[in-house]
Amino acid sequence: MLDDRSKLLLKALVERYIADGQPVGSRTLSRASGLELSPATIRNVMSDLEELGLIVSPHTSAGRIPTARGYRLFVDTMLTVQPAQFATHSLAPDQPQKVLSNAAHLLSSLSQFVGVVMAPRRSSLFRHIEFLRLSERRILVIIVSPEGDVQNRVIFTEVDYTQAQLVEAANFLNSHYMGLDIEQVRARLQDEVESLRSEIAALMQAAVNVSSEAISETQDDVLISGERNLLSVSDFSSDMGHLRRAFDLFEQKAQLIRLLDNAGQAEGVRIFIGGESKVVPFEDLSIVSSPYEVDGKIVGTLGVIGPTRMAYDRMIQIVDITSKLVSNALSYHK
């Protein structure tokens, strides 16, 4: 356990390093902390903090910088967050995809880092289905989800259906299976196939297969905005390896989705500091994230990705207010 003096010096060191980006020496720390301590005393405390793995001395400097463990202690026990000052920003109710895209841009512009928003999982239910005969053995399937999303798919059939047969099949699906999960529809169709005319049953099964594929395809699993902001962050611009690893993460969206999924498993703002766990795979990146809701139900996650040396208090404000704005915009009822 750290005593109050050690905590105060660690807090001052982290805040000074976040502000300046330079290793903090004992003389600078003495001024920043406001404590009347001799340089020798401060050096002793810094040595103790280094032994605890909270700070480290870069090879090229006599000063110290925080480690991932030091950042974590600072974030968990020393960080004070003032009420958010972003009241002038808003997200108007709109199509969900546009709300989420605007949110990613807002996160990026406010933080000057990278804004990320994980889109809600697309519903696997269907509200309505229609068939339209395009030509011989070529049919357009129109699937409408409960959220109003429309997916169109063309299927090729072995039988040349009349438009009357297509209407019959659509009416049966809509009256018997509306509101069910596509997989439930598939299972029930297999059970009921004997009671249906074989050619209609085959059409329905083909429609269910293509509907499952259409519904599972999201337009964008993750929306990312502001990757270029990292080019102006000294922590990255001075090391192309760091920058390349960051951009690799944005390219590998599956890894980003797993990361945000992990972040969305708890309420409120969460902070993941690179190097302290396997959640964030890169030591030089941190993520401040929060889930967002639709009608009181958590459906996705958003956040800011930036260098480990970031103003965490400000990022918490930005992520928290954006989460609330998105929740309000998506829950808006006309």
Protein backbone atom coordinates (compact mmCIF):
# COMPACT_ATOMS: atom_id res chain seq x y z
CA MET A 1 0.00 0.00 0.00
CA LEU A 2 1.18 3.49 -0.80
CA ASP A 3 1.22 6.21 1.80
CA ASP A 4 -0.43 9.58 1.05
CA ARG A 5 2.87 11.21 0.07
CA SER A 6 3.65 8.49 -2.47
CA LYS A 7 0.14 8.67 -3.91
CA LEU A 8 0.38 12.43 -4.29
CA LEU A 9 3.75 12.21 -6.02
CA LEU A 10 2.53 9.45 -8.36
CA LYS A 11 -0.58 11.48 -9.21
CA ALA A 12 1.53 14.55 -9.94
CA LEU A 13 3.95 12.53 -12.06
CA VAL A 14 1.17 10.95 -14.17
CA GLU A 15 -0.60 14.28 -14.68
CA ARG A 16 2.64 16.03 -15.64
CA TYR A 17 3.61 13.27 -18.07
CA ILE A 18 0.15 13.30 -19.68
CA ALA A 19 0.38 17.06 -20.10
CA ASP A 20 3.96 17.30 -21.38
CA GLY A 21 4.87 13.91 -22.77
CA GLN A 22 8.35 14.18 -21.23
CA PRO A 23 9.88 12.00 -18.48
CA VAL A 24 9.39 13.72 -15.14
CA GLY A 25 12.45 14.47 -13.01
CA SER A 26 12.55 15.01 -9.25
CA ARG A 27 12.90 18.80 -9.54
CA THR A 28 9.85 19.06 -11.84
CA LEU A 29 7.91 16.70 -9.60
CA SER A 30 8.70 18.79 -6.54
CA ARG A 31 7.15 21.86 -8.20
CA ALA A 32 4.18 19.92 -9.65
CA SER A 33 3.25 18.22 -6.38
CA GLY A 34 3.37 21.35 -4.23
CA LEU A 35 5.14 19.39 -1.49
CA GLU A 36 8.09 20.92 0.28
CA LEU A 37 10.36 17.93 -0.04
CA SER A 38 14.05 17.75 -0.80
CA PRO A 39 15.10 16.37 -4.19
CA ALA A 40 16.73 13.47 -2.33
CA THR A 41 13.46 12.55 -0.60
CA ILE A 42 11.57 12.68 -3.89
CA ARG A 43 14.21 10.52 -5.55
CA ASN A 44 13.78 7.95 -2.77
CA VAL A 45 9.99 7.90 -3.24
CA MET A 46 10.40 7.57 -7.00
CA SER A 47 12.78 4.69 -6.47
CA ASP A 48 10.15 2.97 -4.30
CA LEU A 49 7.46 3.57 -6.96
CA GLU A 50 9.78 2.10 -9.57
CA GLU A 51 10.36 -1.02 -7.47
CA LEU A 52 6.57 -1.43 -7.26
CA GLY A 53 6.36 -1.34 -11.06
CA LEU A 54 4.33 1.89 -11.12
CA ILE A 55 6.88 4.04 -12.94
CA VAL A 56 9.92 3.35 -15.08
CA SER A 57 12.98 5.27 -16.16
CA PRO A 58 13.57 5.42 -19.94
CA HIS A 59 17.15 4.66 -20.91
CA THR A 60 17.73 8.13 -22.30
CA SER A 61 16.49 10.13 -19.32
CA ALA A 62 16.89 10.49 -15.59
CA GLY A 63 13.17 11.22 -15.33
CA ARG A 64 10.37 8.69 -14.91
CA ILE A 65 7.21 7.82 -16.84
CA PRO A 66 4.15 5.80 -15.71
CA THR A 67 3.80 2.11 -16.51
CA ALA A 68 0.48 0.47 -17.40
CA ARG A 69 0.20 -0.49 -13.72
CA GLY A 70 0.88 3.11 -12.69
CA TYR A 71 -1.80 4.40 -15.08
CA ARG A 72 -4.25 1.83 -13.70
CA LEU A 73 -3.68 2.92 -10.10
CA PHE A 74 -4.04 6.56 -11.16
CA VAL A 75 -7.26 5.90 -13.08
CA ASP A 76 -8.82 3.75 -10.35
CA THR A 77 -7.94 5.76 -7.24
CA MET A 78 -6.70 9.26 -8.11
CA LEU A 79 -8.68 10.46 -11.11
CA THR A 80 -11.28 13.15 -10.54
CA VAL A 81 -13.76 13.83 -13.33
CA GLN A 82 -15.61 17.11 -13.48
CA PRO A 83 -19.16 17.41 -14.91
CA ALA A 84 -19.15 17.19 -18.70
CA GLN A 85 -18.83 20.46 -20.61
CA PHE A 86 -20.13 19.29 -23.99
CA ALA A 87 -23.74 20.44 -23.76
CA THR A 88 -23.56 22.20 -27.15
CA HIS A 89 -23.19 18.86 -28.97
CA SER A 90 -26.15 16.71 -29.93
CA LEU A 91 -27.13 13.73 -32.05
CA ALA A 92 -30.45 14.12 -33.81
CA PRO A 93 -32.76 11.10 -34.05
CA ASP A 94 -32.25 9.55 -37.48
CA GLN A 95 -31.67 6.22 -39.20
CA PRO A 96 -29.67 4.05 -36.74
CA GLN A 97 -26.69 3.72 -39.09
CA LYS A 98 -26.48 7.51 -39.47
CA VAL A 99 -26.72 8.07 -35.71
CA LEU A 100 -23.85 5.65 -35.12
CA SER A 101 -21.74 7.16 -37.91
CA ASN A 102 -22.29 10.65 -36.48
CA ALA A 103 -21.38 9.35 -33.01
CA ALA A 104 -18.05 7.95 -34.28
CA HIS A 105 -17.26 11.36 -35.86
CA LEU A 106 -18.27 13.17 -32.64
CA LEU A 107 -16.02 10.94 -30.50
CA SER A 108 -13.13 11.54 -32.87
CA SER A 109 -13.56 15.31 -33.15
CA LEU A 110 -13.93 15.84 -29.39
CA SER A 111 -11.07 13.55 -28.38
CA GLN A 112 -8.76 14.22 -31.36
CA PHE A 113 -8.10 10.48 -31.28
CA VAL A 114 -10.03 7.58 -32.87
CA GLY A 115 -13.76 7.20 -32.33
CA VAL A 116 -15.21 3.68 -32.58
CA VAL A 117 -18.81 2.50 -32.40
CA MET A 118 -19.89 -1.14 -32.49
CA ALA A 119 -23.22 -1.41 -34.28
CA PRO A 120 -26.02 -3.40 -32.61
CA ARG A 121 -26.35 -6.97 -33.72
CA ARG A 122 -28.86 -7.10 -36.56
CA SER A 123 -32.14 -8.74 -35.55
CA SER A 124 -32.55 -12.31 -36.76
CA LEU A 125 -36.33 -11.89 -36.73
CA PHE A 126 -38.40 -11.00 -39.74
CA ARG A 127 -41.54 -8.87 -39.81
CA HIS A 128 -42.52 -9.37 -43.42
CA ILE A 129 -41.42 -11.23 -46.53
CA GLU A 130 -42.40 -10.85 -50.18
CA PHE A 131 -41.58 -12.66 -53.42
CA LEU A 132 -41.41 -10.98 -56.81
CA ARG A 133 -41.04 -12.96 -60.05
CA LEU A 134 -38.25 -11.36 -62.08
CA SER A 135 -38.04 -13.91 -64.90
CA GLU A 136 -38.23 -17.65 -65.39
CA ARG A 137 -36.90 -19.40 -62.24
CA ARG A 138 -35.51 -16.08 -60.95
CA ILE A 139 -37.18 -14.53 -57.90
CA LEU A 140 -36.53 -11.44 -55.79
CA VAL A 141 -36.93 -12.05 -52.05
CA ILE A 142 -37.69 -8.94 -49.97
CA ILE A 143 -37.15 -9.33 -46.21
CA VAL A 144 -38.19 -6.65 -43.70
CA SER A 145 -36.81 -6.79 -40.15
CA PRO A 146 -38.72 -5.58 -37.05
CA GLU A 147 -36.50 -2.47 -37.09
CA GLY A 148 -37.61 -1.66 -40.63
CA ASP A 149 -34.36 -2.70 -42.33
CA VAL A 150 -35.03 -4.03 -45.83
CA GLN A 151 -32.84 -6.70 -47.42
CA ASN A 152 -33.23 -7.84 -51.03
CA ARG A 153 -31.85 -11.11 -52.40
CA VAL A 154 -32.27 -12.84 -55.74
CA ILE A 155 -32.73 -16.63 -55.73
CA PHE A 156 -32.74 -19.09 -58.62
CA THR A 157 -35.23 -21.94 -58.37
CA GLU A 158 -35.60 -25.31 -60.08
CA VAL A 159 -39.31 -24.65 -60.62
CA ASP A 160 -40.80 -21.74 -62.54
CA TYR A 161 -43.29 -20.31 -60.01
CA THR A 162 -46.25 -18.18 -60.99
CA GLN A 163 -46.80 -14.90 -59.20
CA ALA A 164 -49.92 -16.44 -57.60
CA GLN A 165 -47.79 -19.22 -56.09
CA LEU A 166 -45.30 -16.65 -54.81
CA VAL A 167 -48.09 -14.69 -53.12
CA GLU A 168 -49.42 -17.91 -51.57
CA ALA A 169 -45.99 -18.78 -50.15
CA ALA A 170 -45.39 -15.25 -48.82
CA ASN A 171 -48.83 -15.14 -47.18
CA PHE A 172 -48.17 -18.48 -45.48
CA LEU A 173 -44.79 -17.35 -44.13
CA ASN A 174 -46.12 -13.99 -42.94
CA SER A 175 -49.18 -15.44 -41.23
CA HIS A 176 -47.48 -18.40 -39.56
CA TYR A 177 -43.93 -17.27 -38.83
CA MET A 178 -43.91 -13.48 -38.50
CA GLY A 179 -41.87 -12.38 -35.45
CA LEU A 180 -40.00 -15.67 -35.14
CA ASP A 181 -36.26 -16.08 -35.34
CA ILE A 182 -35.10 -17.25 -38.77
CA GLU A 183 -33.63 -20.42 -37.24
CA GLN A 184 -36.99 -21.16 -35.60
CA VAL A 185 -38.68 -20.70 -38.97
CA ARG A 186 -36.18 -23.08 -40.55
CA ALA A 187 -36.81 -25.75 -37.89
CA ARG A 188 -40.60 -25.45 -38.08
CA LEU A 189 -40.57 -25.59 -41.87
CA GLN A 190 -38.70 -28.88 -41.74
CA ASP A 191 -41.35 -30.28 -39.39
CA GLU A 192 -44.24 -28.99 -41.49
CA VAL A 193 -42.84 -29.72 -44.95
CA GLU A 194 -45.00 -32.83 -45.31
CA SER A 195 -48.20 -30.80 -44.95
CA LEU A 196 -47.14 -28.30 -47.63
CA ARG A 197 -47.07 -28.82 -51.36
CA SER A 198 -43.50 -29.82 -52.17
CA GLU A 199 -42.82 -27.04 -54.67
CA ILE A 200 -44.05 -24.36 -52.23
CA ALA A 201 -42.05 -25.93 -49.38
CA ALA A 202 -38.90 -25.85 -51.50
CA LEU A 203 -39.46 -22.17 -52.26
CA MET A 204 -39.96 -21.36 -48.58
CA GLN A 205 -36.82 -23.22 -47.55
CA ALA A 206 -34.80 -21.40 -50.20
CA ALA A 207 -36.23 -18.10 -48.97
CA VAL A 208 -35.36 -18.90 -45.35
CA ASN A 209 -31.79 -19.80 -46.32
CA VAL A 210 -31.25 -16.56 -48.22
CA SER A 211 -32.99 -14.57 -45.45
CA SER A 212 -30.60 -16.01 -42.87
CA GLU A 213 -27.63 -14.94 -44.97
CA ALA A 214 -29.07 -11.46 -45.55
CA ILE A 215 -29.92 -10.80 -41.92
CA SER A 216 -26.50 -11.96 -40.69
CA GLU A 217 -24.76 -9.48 -42.97
CA THR A 218 -24.43 -6.11 -41.25
CA GLN A 219 -23.56 -2.99 -43.22
CA ASP A 220 -20.75 -2.16 -40.77
CA ASP A 221 -19.97 -4.12 -37.61
CA VAL A 222 -17.68 -1.35 -36.38
CA LEU A 223 -17.66 2.27 -37.44
CA ILE A 224 -14.26 3.94 -37.10
CA SER A 225 -13.50 7.63 -37.41
CA GLY A 226 -10.31 9.65 -37.04
CA GLU A 227 -7.54 7.12 -37.61
CA ARG A 228 -5.48 9.90 -39.19
CA ASN A 229 -5.54 11.76 -35.86
CA LEU A 230 -2.92 9.31 -34.62
CA LEU A 231 -0.47 10.67 -37.19
CA SER A 232 -0.23 13.88 -35.16
CA VAL A 233 0.22 12.11 -31.80
CA SER A 234 3.89 12.32 -30.88
CA ASP A 235 3.79 8.95 -29.12
CA PHE A 236 3.04 7.34 -32.50
CA SER A 237 4.57 9.68 -35.07
CA SER A 238 8.01 9.13 -33.52
CA ASP A 239 7.70 5.35 -33.81
CA MET A 240 6.34 3.89 -37.04
CA GLY A 241 6.11 0.47 -35.39
CA HIS A 242 3.61 1.81 -32.86
CA LEU A 243 1.62 3.48 -35.61
CA ARG A 244 1.60 0.37 -37.77
CA ARG A 245 0.31 -1.78 -34.90
CA ALA A 246 -2.49 0.71 -34.25
CA PHE A 247 -3.59 0.73 -37.88
CA ASP A 248 -3.40 -3.07 -37.99
CA LEU A 249 -5.96 -3.15 -35.17
CA PHE A 250 -8.36 -0.98 -37.16
CA GLU A 251 -7.91 -3.22 -40.20
CA GLN A 252 -8.59 -6.38 -38.19
CA LYS A 253 -12.16 -5.53 -37.28
CA ALA A 254 -12.82 -8.98 -35.79
CA GLN A 255 -10.25 -8.27 -33.06
CA LEU A 256 -11.76 -4.83 -32.50
CA ILE A 257 -15.24 -6.36 -32.17
CA ARG A 258 -14.02 -8.84 -29.55
CA LEU A 259 -12.39 -5.99 -27.65
CA LEU A 260 -15.56 -3.86 -27.71
CA ASP A 261 -17.71 -6.88 -26.85
CA ASN A 262 -15.61 -7.31 -23.72
CA ALA A 263 -15.98 -3.62 -22.94
CA GLY A 264 -19.77 -3.77 -23.30
CA GLN A 265 -20.27 -6.47 -20.69
CA ALA A 266 -20.55 -3.96 -17.84
CA GLU A 267 -22.44 -0.74 -17.35
CA GLY A 268 -20.78 2.65 -17.27
CA VAL A 269 -17.47 3.90 -18.59
CA ARG A 270 -14.58 1.43 -18.55
CA ILE A 271 -10.90 2.03 -19.22
CA PHE A 272 -8.59 -0.56 -20.78
CA ILE A 273 -4.91 0.31 -20.59
CA GLY A 274 -2.55 -1.31 -23.06
CA GLY A 275 0.02 -3.65 -21.59
CA GLU A 276 -1.86 -4.49 -18.40
CA SER A 277 -3.93 -7.34 -19.82
CA LYS A 278 -4.70 -9.30 -22.98
CA VAL A 279 -7.80 -7.18 -23.58
CA VAL A 280 -5.78 -4.45 -25.30
CA PRO A 281 -2.98 -6.18 -27.22
CA PHE A 282 -0.72 -3.15 -27.64
CA GLU A 283 1.16 -1.43 -24.83
CA ASP A 284 0.90 1.98 -26.47
CA LEU A 285 -2.91 2.03 -26.83
CA SER A 286 -5.68 2.63 -24.32
CA ILE A 287 -9.43 2.44 -24.79
CA VAL A 288 -12.11 4.35 -22.92
CA SER A 289 -15.49 2.77 -23.65
CA SER A 290 -19.12 2.69 -22.61
CA PRO A 291 -22.17 0.70 -23.66
CA TYR A 292 -25.17 2.47 -25.18
CA GLU A 293 -28.83 1.53 -24.97
CA VAL A 294 -32.04 1.44 -26.95
CA ASP A 295 -35.17 1.70 -24.82
CA GLY A 296 -33.20 0.78 -21.70
CA LYS A 297 -31.51 -2.30 -23.20
CA ILE A 298 -27.75 -2.36 -23.87
CA VAL A 299 -27.25 -3.05 -27.58
CA GLY A 300 -23.73 -1.89 -28.39
CA THR A 301 -20.49 -0.24 -27.29
CA LEU A 302 -18.66 2.93 -28.25
CA GLY A 303 -15.41 4.50 -27.22
CA VAL A 304 -12.19 6.36 -27.87
CA ILE A 305 -8.92 4.66 -28.80
CA GLY A 306 -5.78 6.68 -28.26
CA PRO A 307 -2.29 6.62 -26.79
CA THR A 308 -1.78 5.35 -23.26
CA ARG A 309 -0.73 8.92 -22.47
CA MET A 310 -4.17 10.50 -22.75
CA ALA A 311 -6.21 12.86 -20.58
CA TYR A 312 -8.39 10.13 -19.08
CA ASP A 313 -10.66 12.54 -17.22
CA ARG A 314 -11.59 14.31 -20.46
CA MET A 315 -11.98 11.04 -22.38
CA ILE A 316 -14.36 9.73 -19.71
CA GLN A 317 -16.50 12.84 -20.14
CA ILE A 318 -16.51 12.54 -23.93
CA VAL A 319 -17.41 8.84 -23.97
CA ASP A 320 -20.04 9.16 -21.25
CA ILE A 321 -21.90 12.06 -22.88
CA THR A 322 -21.72 10.47 -26.36
CA SER A 323 -23.13 7.22 -24.97
CA LYS A 324 -26.09 9.14 -23.54
CA LEU A 325 -26.61 11.08 -26.78
CA VAL A 326 -26.64 7.87 -28.84
CA SER A 327 -29.02 6.15 -26.41
CA ASN A 328 -31.41 9.10 -26.57
CA ALA A 329 -31.25 9.38 -30.38
CA LEU A 330 -31.85 5.65 -30.95
CA SER A 331 -34.63 5.45 -28.35
CA TYR A 332 -36.47 8.45 -29.83
CA HIS A 333 -40.06 7.72 -30.78
CA LYS A 334 -41.89 9.92 -33.25
